[in-house]
PDB file of N, CA and C in Angstrom:
ATOM      1  N   UNK A   1      56.401 -18.049 -59.383  1.00  0.00           N
ATOM      2  CA  UNK A   1      55.445 -18.146 -58.300  1.00  0.00           C
ATOM      3  C   UNK A   1      54.106 -17.509 -58.693  1.00  0.00           C
ATOM      4  N   UNK A   2      54.178 -16.374 -59.355  1.00  0.00           N
ATOM      5  CA  UNK A   2      52.952 -15.701 -59.772  1.00  0.00           C
ATOM      6  C   UNK A   2      52.229 -16.526 -60.831  1.00  0.00           C
ATOM      7  N   UNK A   3      52.996 -17.176 -61.699  1.00  0.00           N
ATOM      8  CA  UNK A   3      52.395 -18.017 -62.727  1.00  0.00           C
ATOM      9  C   UNK A   3      51.606 -19.166 -62.127  1.00  0.00           C
ATOM     10  N   UNK A   4      52.132 -19.745 -61.051  1.00  0.00           N
ATOM     11  CA  UNK A   4      51.406 -20.828 -60.381  1.00  0.00           C
ATOM     12  C   UNK A   4      50.112 -20.308 -59.774  1.00  0.00           C
ATOM     13  N   UNK A   5      50.155 -19.114 -59.212  1.00  0.00           N
ATOM     14  CA  UNK A   5      48.950 -18.512 -58.646  1.00  0.00           C
ATOM     15  C   UNK A   5      47.917 -18.245 -59.732  1.00  0.00           C
ATOM     16  N   UNK A   6      48.375 -17.824 -60.902  1.00  0.00           N
ATOM     17  CA  UNK A   6      47.456 -17.612 -62.021  1.00  0.00           C
ATOM     18  C   UNK A   6      46.796 -18.921 -62.441  1.00  0.00           C
ATOM     19  N   UNK A   7      47.574 -19.979 -62.546  1.00  0.00           N
ATOM     20  CA  UNK A   7      47.017 -21.269 -62.958  1.00  0.00           C
ATOM     21  C   UNK A   7      45.999 -21.767 -61.946  1.00  0.00           C
ATOM     22  N   UNK A   8      46.310 -21.647 -60.667  1.00  0.00           N
ATOM     23  CA  UNK A   8      45.370 -22.080 -59.628  1.00  0.00           C
ATOM     24  C   UNK A   8      44.091 -21.255 -59.692  1.00  0.00           C
ATOM     25  N   UNK A   9      44.216 -19.953 -59.919  1.00  0.00           N
ATOM     26  CA  UNK A   9      43.034 -19.101 -60.022  1.00  0.00           C
ATOM     27  C   UNK A   9      42.191 -19.476 -61.230  1.00  0.00           C
ATOM     28  N   UNK A  10      42.839 -19.751 -62.362  1.00  0.00           N
ATOM     29  CA  UNK A  10      42.090 -20.173 -63.550  1.00  0.00           C
ATOM     30  C   UNK A  10      41.341 -21.472 -63.285  1.00  0.00           C
ATOM     31  N   UNK A  11      41.997 -22.422 -62.632  1.00  0.00           N
ATOM     32  CA  UNK A  11      41.344 -23.699 -62.324  1.00  0.00           C
ATOM     33  C   UNK A  11      40.163 -23.507 -61.375  1.00  0.00           C
ATOM     34  N   UNK A  12      40.313 -22.647 -60.395  1.00  0.00           N
ATOM     35  CA  UNK A  12      39.209 -22.391 -59.471  1.00  0.00           C
ATOM     36  C   UNK A  12      38.047 -21.694 -60.169  1.00  0.00           C
ATOM     37  N   UNK A  13      38.342 -20.832 -61.124  1.00  0.00           N
ATOM     38  CA  UNK A  13      37.270 -20.177 -61.885  1.00  0.00           C
ATOM     39  C   UNK A  13      36.513 -21.182 -62.741  1.00  0.00           C
ATOM     40  N   UNK A  14      37.235 -22.108 -63.354  1.00  0.00           N
ATOM     41  CA  UNK A  14      36.573 -23.157 -64.135  1.00  0.00           C
ATOM     42  C   UNK A  14      35.707 -24.014 -63.222  1.00  0.00           C
ATOM     43  N   UNK A  15      36.227 -24.355 -62.045  1.00  0.00           N
ATOM     44  CA  UNK A  15      35.457 -25.141 -61.077  1.00  0.00           C
ATOM     45  C   UNK A  15      34.194 -24.393 -60.650  1.00  0.00           C
ATOM     46  N   UNK A  16      34.311 -23.096 -60.442  1.00  0.00           N
ATOM     47  CA  UNK A  16      33.162 -22.283 -60.050  1.00  0.00           C
ATOM     48  C   UNK A  16      32.073 -22.315 -61.115  1.00  0.00           C
ATOM     49  N   UNK A  17      32.458 -22.197 -62.368  1.00  0.00           N
ATOM     50  CA  UNK A  17      31.481 -22.239 -63.457  1.00  0.00           C
ATOM     51  C   UNK A  17      30.872 -23.632 -63.568  1.00  0.00           C
ATOM     52  N   UNK A  18      31.678 -24.683 -63.412  1.00  0.00           N
ATOM     53  CA  UNK A  18      31.141 -26.049 -63.455  1.00  0.00           C
ATOM     54  C   UNK A  18      30.117 -26.277 -62.346  1.00  0.00           C
ATOM     55  N   UNK A  19      30.389 -25.766 -61.158  1.00  0.00           N
ATOM     56  CA  UNK A  19      29.433 -25.933 -60.057  1.00  0.00           C
ATOM     57  C   UNK A  19      28.141 -25.166 -60.339  1.00  0.00           C
ATOM     58  N   UNK A  20      28.240 -24.017 -60.977  1.00  0.00           N
ATOM     59  CA  UNK A  20      27.036 -23.266 -61.338  1.00  0.00           C
ATOM     60  C   UNK A  20      26.217 -24.029 -62.370  1.00  0.00           C
ATOM     61  N   UNK A  21      26.889 -24.650 -63.316  1.00  0.00           N
ATOM     62  CA  UNK A  21      26.177 -25.468 -64.304  1.00  0.00           C
ATOM     63  C   UNK A  21      25.527 -26.656 -63.612  1.00  0.00           C
ATOM     64  N   UNK A  22      26.189 -27.214 -62.617  1.00  0.00           N
ATOM     65  CA  UNK A  22      25.598 -28.314 -61.850  1.00  0.00           C
ATOM     66  C   UNK A  22      24.325 -27.858 -61.132  1.00  0.00           C
ATOM     67  N   UNK A  23      24.349 -26.664 -60.556  1.00  0.00           N
ATOM     68  CA  UNK A  23      23.151 -26.126 -59.904  1.00  0.00           C
ATOM     69  C   UNK A  23      22.034 -25.961 -60.921  1.00  0.00           C
ATOM     70  N   UNK A  24      22.380 -25.495 -62.118  1.00  0.00           N
ATOM     71  CA  UNK A  24      21.376 -25.321 -63.163  1.00  0.00           C
ATOM     72  C   UNK A  24      20.784 -26.659 -63.600  1.00  0.00           C
ATOM     73  N   UNK A  25      21.616 -27.676 -63.737  1.00  0.00           N
ATOM     74  CA  UNK A  25      21.092 -28.984 -64.143  1.00  0.00           C
ATOM     75  C   UNK A  25      20.218 -29.597 -63.066  1.00  0.00           C
ATOM     76  N   UNK A  26      20.513 -29.337 -61.815  1.00  0.00           N
ATOM     77  CA  UNK A  26      19.626 -29.787 -60.737  1.00  0.00           C
ATOM     78  C   UNK A  26      18.281 -29.086 -60.864  1.00  0.00           C
ATOM     79  N   UNK A  27      18.317 -27.801 -61.215  1.00  0.00           N
ATOM     80  CA  UNK A  27      17.071 -27.070 -61.436  1.00  0.00           C
ATOM     81  C   UNK A  27      16.283 -27.605 -62.614  1.00  0.00           C
ATOM     82  N   UNK A  28      16.989 -28.028 -63.658  1.00  0.00           N
ATOM     83  CA  UNK A  28      16.301 -28.602 -64.815  1.00  0.00           C
ATOM     84  C   UNK A  28      15.655 -29.942 -64.480  1.00  0.00           C
ATOM     85  N   UNK A  29      16.284 -30.696 -63.601  1.00  0.00           N
ATOM     86  CA  UNK A  29      15.777 -32.028 -63.269  1.00  0.00           C
ATOM     87  C   UNK A  29      14.723 -32.010 -62.173  1.00  0.00           C
ATOM     88  N   UNK A  30      14.510 -30.864 -61.537  1.00  0.00           N
ATOM     89  CA  UNK A  30      13.561 -30.817 -60.426  1.00  0.00           C
ATOM     90  C   UNK A  30      12.127 -30.947 -60.930  1.00  0.00           C
ATOM     91  N   UNK A  31      11.289 -31.439 -60.069  1.00  0.00           N
ATOM     92  CA  UNK A  31       9.885 -31.667 -60.386  1.00  0.00           C
ATOM     93  C   UNK A  31       9.003 -30.796 -59.493  1.00  0.00           C
ATOM     94  N   UNK A  32       7.796 -30.611 -59.921  1.00  0.00           N
ATOM     95  CA  UNK A  32       6.800 -29.967 -59.070  1.00  0.00           C
ATOM     96  C   UNK A  32       6.775 -28.459 -59.160  1.00  0.00           C
ATOM     97  N   UNK A  33       6.341 -27.868 -58.046  1.00  0.00           N
ATOM     98  CA  UNK A  33       6.088 -26.431 -57.994  1.00  0.00           C
ATOM     99  C   UNK A  33       7.359 -25.588 -58.055  1.00  0.00           C
ATOM    100  N   UNK A  34       8.447 -26.114 -57.561  1.00  0.00           N
ATOM    101  CA  UNK A  34       9.669 -25.308 -57.462  1.00  0.00           C
ATOM    102  C   UNK A  34      10.514 -25.353 -58.731  1.00  0.00           C
ATOM    103  N   UNK A  35       9.994 -25.886 -59.805  1.00  0.00           N
ATOM    104  CA  UNK A  35      10.784 -26.057 -61.024  1.00  0.00           C
ATOM    105  C   UNK A  35      11.223 -24.720 -61.625  1.00  0.00           C
ATOM    106  N   UNK A  36      10.321 -23.770 -61.720  1.00  0.00           N
ATOM    107  CA  UNK A  36      10.661 -22.467 -62.309  1.00  0.00           C
ATOM    108  C   UNK A  36      11.641 -21.720 -61.412  1.00  0.00           C
ATOM    109  N   UNK A  37      11.409 -21.774 -60.108  1.00  0.00           N
ATOM    110  CA  UNK A  37      12.320 -21.107 -59.175  1.00  0.00           C
ATOM    111  C   UNK A  37      13.707 -21.743 -59.217  1.00  0.00           C
ATOM    112  N   UNK A  38      13.765 -23.058 -59.334  1.00  0.00           N
ATOM    113  CA  UNK A  38      15.060 -23.739 -59.386  1.00  0.00           C
ATOM    114  C   UNK A  38      15.807 -23.383 -60.668  1.00  0.00           C
ATOM    115  N   UNK A  39      15.101 -23.280 -61.771  1.00  0.00           N
ATOM    116  CA  UNK A  39      15.752 -22.858 -63.017  1.00  0.00           C
ATOM    117  C   UNK A  39      16.271 -21.433 -62.904  1.00  0.00           C
ATOM    118  N   UNK A  40      15.474 -20.568 -62.299  1.00  0.00           N
ATOM    119  CA  UNK A  40      15.878 -19.175 -62.120  1.00  0.00           C
ATOM    120  C   UNK A  40      17.138 -19.085 -61.260  1.00  0.00           C
ATOM    121  N   UNK A  41      17.169 -19.841 -60.171  1.00  0.00           N
ATOM    122  CA  UNK A  41      18.352 -19.852 -59.306  1.00  0.00           C
ATOM    123  C   UNK A  41      19.558 -20.399 -60.070  1.00  0.00           C
ATOM    124  N   UNK A  42      19.342 -21.421 -60.894  1.00  0.00           N
ATOM    125  CA  UNK A  42      20.433 -21.967 -61.694  1.00  0.00           C
ATOM    126  C   UNK A  42      20.987 -20.965 -62.688  1.00  0.00           C
ATOM    127  N   UNK A  43      20.098 -20.230 -63.345  1.00  0.00           N
ATOM    128  CA  UNK A  43      20.544 -19.205 -64.297  1.00  0.00           C
ATOM    129  C   UNK A  43      21.300 -18.096 -63.572  1.00  0.00           C
ATOM    130  N   UNK A  44      20.798 -17.692 -62.410  1.00  0.00           N
ATOM    131  CA  UNK A  44      21.512 -16.681 -61.625  1.00  0.00           C
ATOM    132  C   UNK A  44      22.884 -17.184 -61.194  1.00  0.00           C
ATOM    133  N   UNK A  45      22.961 -18.457 -60.822  1.00  0.00           N
ATOM    134  CA  UNK A  45      24.249 -19.025 -60.412  1.00  0.00           C
ATOM    135  C   UNK A  45      25.243 -19.019 -61.567  1.00  0.00           C
ATOM    136  N   UNK A  46      24.775 -19.358 -62.757  1.00  0.00           N
ATOM    137  CA  UNK A  46      25.677 -19.356 -63.920  1.00  0.00           C
ATOM    138  C   UNK A  46      26.150 -17.939 -64.230  1.00  0.00           C
ATOM    139  N   UNK A  47      25.237 -16.980 -64.229  1.00  0.00           N
ATOM    140  CA  UNK A  47      25.628 -15.595 -64.519  1.00  0.00           C
ATOM    141  C   UNK A  47      26.590 -15.054 -63.463  1.00  0.00           C
ATOM    142  N   UNK A  48      26.306 -15.350 -62.191  1.00  0.00           N
ATOM    143  CA  UNK A  48      27.188 -14.891 -61.119  1.00  0.00           C
ATOM    144  C   UNK A  48      28.559 -15.554 -61.216  1.00  0.00           C
ATOM    145  N   UNK A  49      28.584 -16.837 -61.534  1.00  0.00           N
ATOM    146  CA  UNK A  49      29.861 -17.546 -61.632  1.00  0.00           C
ATOM    147  C   UNK A  49      30.705 -17.010 -62.777  1.00  0.00           C
ATOM    148  N   UNK A  50      30.087 -16.742 -63.905  1.00  0.00           N
ATOM    149  CA  UNK A  50      30.839 -16.200 -65.040  1.00  0.00           C
ATOM    150  C   UNK A  50      31.354 -14.799 -64.717  1.00  0.00           C
ATOM    151  N   UNK A  51      30.520 -13.980 -64.092  1.00  0.00           N
ATOM    152  CA  UNK A  51      30.953 -12.639 -63.709  1.00  0.00           C
ATOM    153  C   UNK A  51      32.082 -12.652 -62.692  1.00  0.00           C
ATOM    154  N   UNK A  52      31.956 -13.498 -61.672  1.00  0.00           N
ATOM    155  CA  UNK A  52      33.013 -13.588 -60.662  1.00  0.00           C
ATOM    156  C   UNK A  52      34.294 -14.175 -61.244  1.00  0.00           C
ATOM    157  N   UNK A  53      34.159 -15.153 -62.115  1.00  0.00           N
ATOM    158  CA  UNK A  53      35.351 -15.727 -62.748  1.00  0.00           C
ATOM    159  C   UNK A  53      36.077 -14.671 -63.575  1.00  0.00           C
ATOM    160  N   UNK A  54      35.334 -13.866 -64.312  1.00  0.00           N
ATOM    161  CA  UNK A  54      35.957 -12.799 -65.100  1.00  0.00           C
ATOM    162  C   UNK A  54      36.651 -11.788 -64.192  1.00  0.00           C
ATOM    163  N   UNK A  55      36.020 -11.453 -63.072  1.00  0.00           N
ATOM    164  CA  UNK A  55      36.626 -10.517 -62.126  1.00  0.00           C
ATOM    165  C   UNK A  55      37.913 -11.089 -61.534  1.00  0.00           C
ATOM    166  N   UNK A  56      37.872 -12.359 -61.103  1.00  0.00           N
ATOM    167  CA  UNK A  56      39.052 -12.977 -60.499  1.00  0.00           C
ATOM    168  C   UNK A  56      40.203 -13.087 -61.497  1.00  0.00           C
ATOM    169  N   UNK A  57      39.896 -13.462 -62.730  1.00  0.00           N
ATOM    170  CA  UNK A  57      40.943 -13.574 -63.752  1.00  0.00           C
ATOM    171  C   UNK A  57      41.542 -12.201 -64.034  1.00  0.00           C
ATOM    172  N   UNK A  58      40.706 -11.183 -64.131  1.00  0.00           N
ATOM    173  CA  UNK A  58      41.210  -9.831 -64.367  1.00  0.00           C
ATOM    174  C   UNK A  58      42.078  -9.370 -63.201  1.00  0.00           C
ATOM    175  N   UNK A  59      41.644  -9.641 -61.978  1.00  0.00           N
ATOM    176  CA  UNK A  59      42.405  -9.213 -60.802  1.00  0.00           C
ATOM    177  C   UNK A  59      43.763  -9.903 -60.739  1.00  0.00           C
ATOM    178  N   UNK A  60      43.789 -11.204 -60.987  1.00  0.00           N
ATOM    179  CA  UNK A  60      45.067 -11.918 -60.892  1.00  0.00           C
ATOM    180  C   UNK A  60      45.989 -11.548 -62.051  1.00  0.00           C
ATOM    181  N   UNK A  61      45.437 -11.263 -63.221  1.00  0.00           N
ATOM    182  CA  UNK A  61      46.273 -10.831 -64.345  1.00  0.00           C
ATOM    183  C   UNK A  61      46.866  -9.452 -64.085  1.00  0.00           C
ATOM    184  N   UNK A  62      46.090  -8.572 -63.490  1.00  0.00           N
ATOM    185  CA  UNK A  62      46.599  -7.245 -63.136  1.00  0.00           C
ATOM    186  C   UNK A  62      47.725  -7.359 -62.116  1.00  0.00           C
ATOM    187  N   UNK A  63      47.540  -8.227 -61.135  1.00  0.00           N
ATOM    188  CA  UNK A  63      48.573  -8.434 -60.125  1.00  0.00           C
ATOM    189  C   UNK A  63      49.846  -9.011 -60.746  1.00  0.00           C
ATOM    190  N   UNK A  64      49.685  -9.954 -61.648  1.00  0.00           N
ATOM    191  CA  UNK A  64      50.854 -10.557 -62.300  1.00  0.00           C
ATOM    192  C   UNK A  64      51.600  -9.529 -63.148  1.00  0.00           C
ATOM    193  N   UNK A  65      50.873  -8.661 -63.831  1.00  0.00           N
ATOM    194  CA  UNK A  65      51.521  -7.623 -64.632  1.00  0.00           C
ATOM    195  C   UNK A  65      52.274  -6.639 -63.744  1.00  0.00           C
ATOM    196  N   UNK A  66      51.709  -6.325 -62.580  1.00  0.00           N
ATOM    197  CA  UNK A  66      52.383  -5.415 -61.659  1.00  0.00           C
ATOM    198  C   UNK A  66      53.672  -6.035 -61.127  1.00  0.00           C
ATOM    199  N   UNK A  67      53.623  -7.309 -60.799  1.00  0.00           N
ATOM    200  CA  UNK A  67      54.827  -7.987 -60.316  1.00  0.00           C
ATOM    201  C   UNK A  67      55.878  -8.052 -61.419  1.00  0.00           C
ATOM    202  N   UNK A  68      55.455  -8.351 -62.632  1.00  0.00           N
ATOM    203  CA  UNK A  68      56.398  -8.440 -63.748  1.00  0.00           C
ATOM    204  C   UNK A  68      57.054  -7.093 -64.030  1.00  0.00           C
ATOM    205  N   UNK A  69      56.286  -6.020 -63.976  1.00  0.00           N
ATOM    206  CA  UNK A  69      56.882  -4.705 -64.228  1.00  0.00           C
ATOM    207  C   UNK A  69      57.822  -4.307 -63.097  1.00  0.00           C
ATOM    208  N   UNK A  70      57.508  -4.699 -61.868  1.00  0.00           N
ATOM    209  CA  UNK A  70      58.409  -4.413 -60.749  1.00  0.00           C
ATOM    210  C   UNK A  70      59.722  -5.167 -60.899  1.00  0.00           C
ATOM    211  N   UNK A  71      59.639  -6.412 -61.308  1.00  0.00           N
ATOM    212  CA  UNK A  71      60.856  -7.206 -61.507  1.00  0.00           C
ATOM    213  C   UNK A  71      61.681  -6.628 -62.649  1.00  0.00           C
ATOM    214  N   UNK A  72      61.024  -6.211 -63.718  1.00  0.00           N
ATOM    215  CA  UNK A  72      61.752  -5.626 -64.849  1.00  0.00           C
ATOM    216  C   UNK A  72      62.451  -4.335 -64.457  1.00  0.00           C
ATOM    217  N   UNK A  73      61.802  -3.504 -63.637  1.00  0.00           N
ATOM    218  CA  UNK A  73      62.439  -2.267 -63.177  1.00  0.00           C
ATOM    219  C   UNK A  73      63.616  -2.577 -62.262  1.00  0.00           C
ATOM    220  N   UNK A  74      63.480  -3.609 -61.451  1.00  0.00           N
ATOM    221  CA  UNK A  74      64.547  -3.973 -60.519  1.00  0.00           C
ATOM    222  C   UNK A  74      65.771  -4.511 -61.257  1.00  0.00           C
ATOM    223  N   UNK A  75      65.552  -5.232 -62.342  1.00  0.00           N
ATOM    224  CA  UNK A  75      66.659  -5.847 -63.074  1.00  0.00           C
ATOM    225  C   UNK A  75      67.390  -4.870 -63.983  1.00  0.00           C
ATOM    226  N   UNK A  76      66.832  -3.712 -64.245  1.00  0.00           N
ATOM    227  CA  UNK A  76      67.495  -2.740 -65.131  1.00  0.00           C
ATOM    228  C   UNK A  76      68.626  -2.045 -64.472  1.00  0.00           C
TER     229      UNK A  76
END
């Protein structure tokens, strides 16, 4: 069960990064006065998505390790 939760979390993190890249590409394709601001927002979105993805992966891995150690103690 924990393994399935890890896989779902990994997939959601990949989706989050893909959406941030999509925001950045929209900023690259924008025209006019807001072009620099759109690029800046896109770069911030990518950095935030990578940071949040790393946090979520670390959190779910820590939780999985805690569950695994609890199960190992219970089975001894």
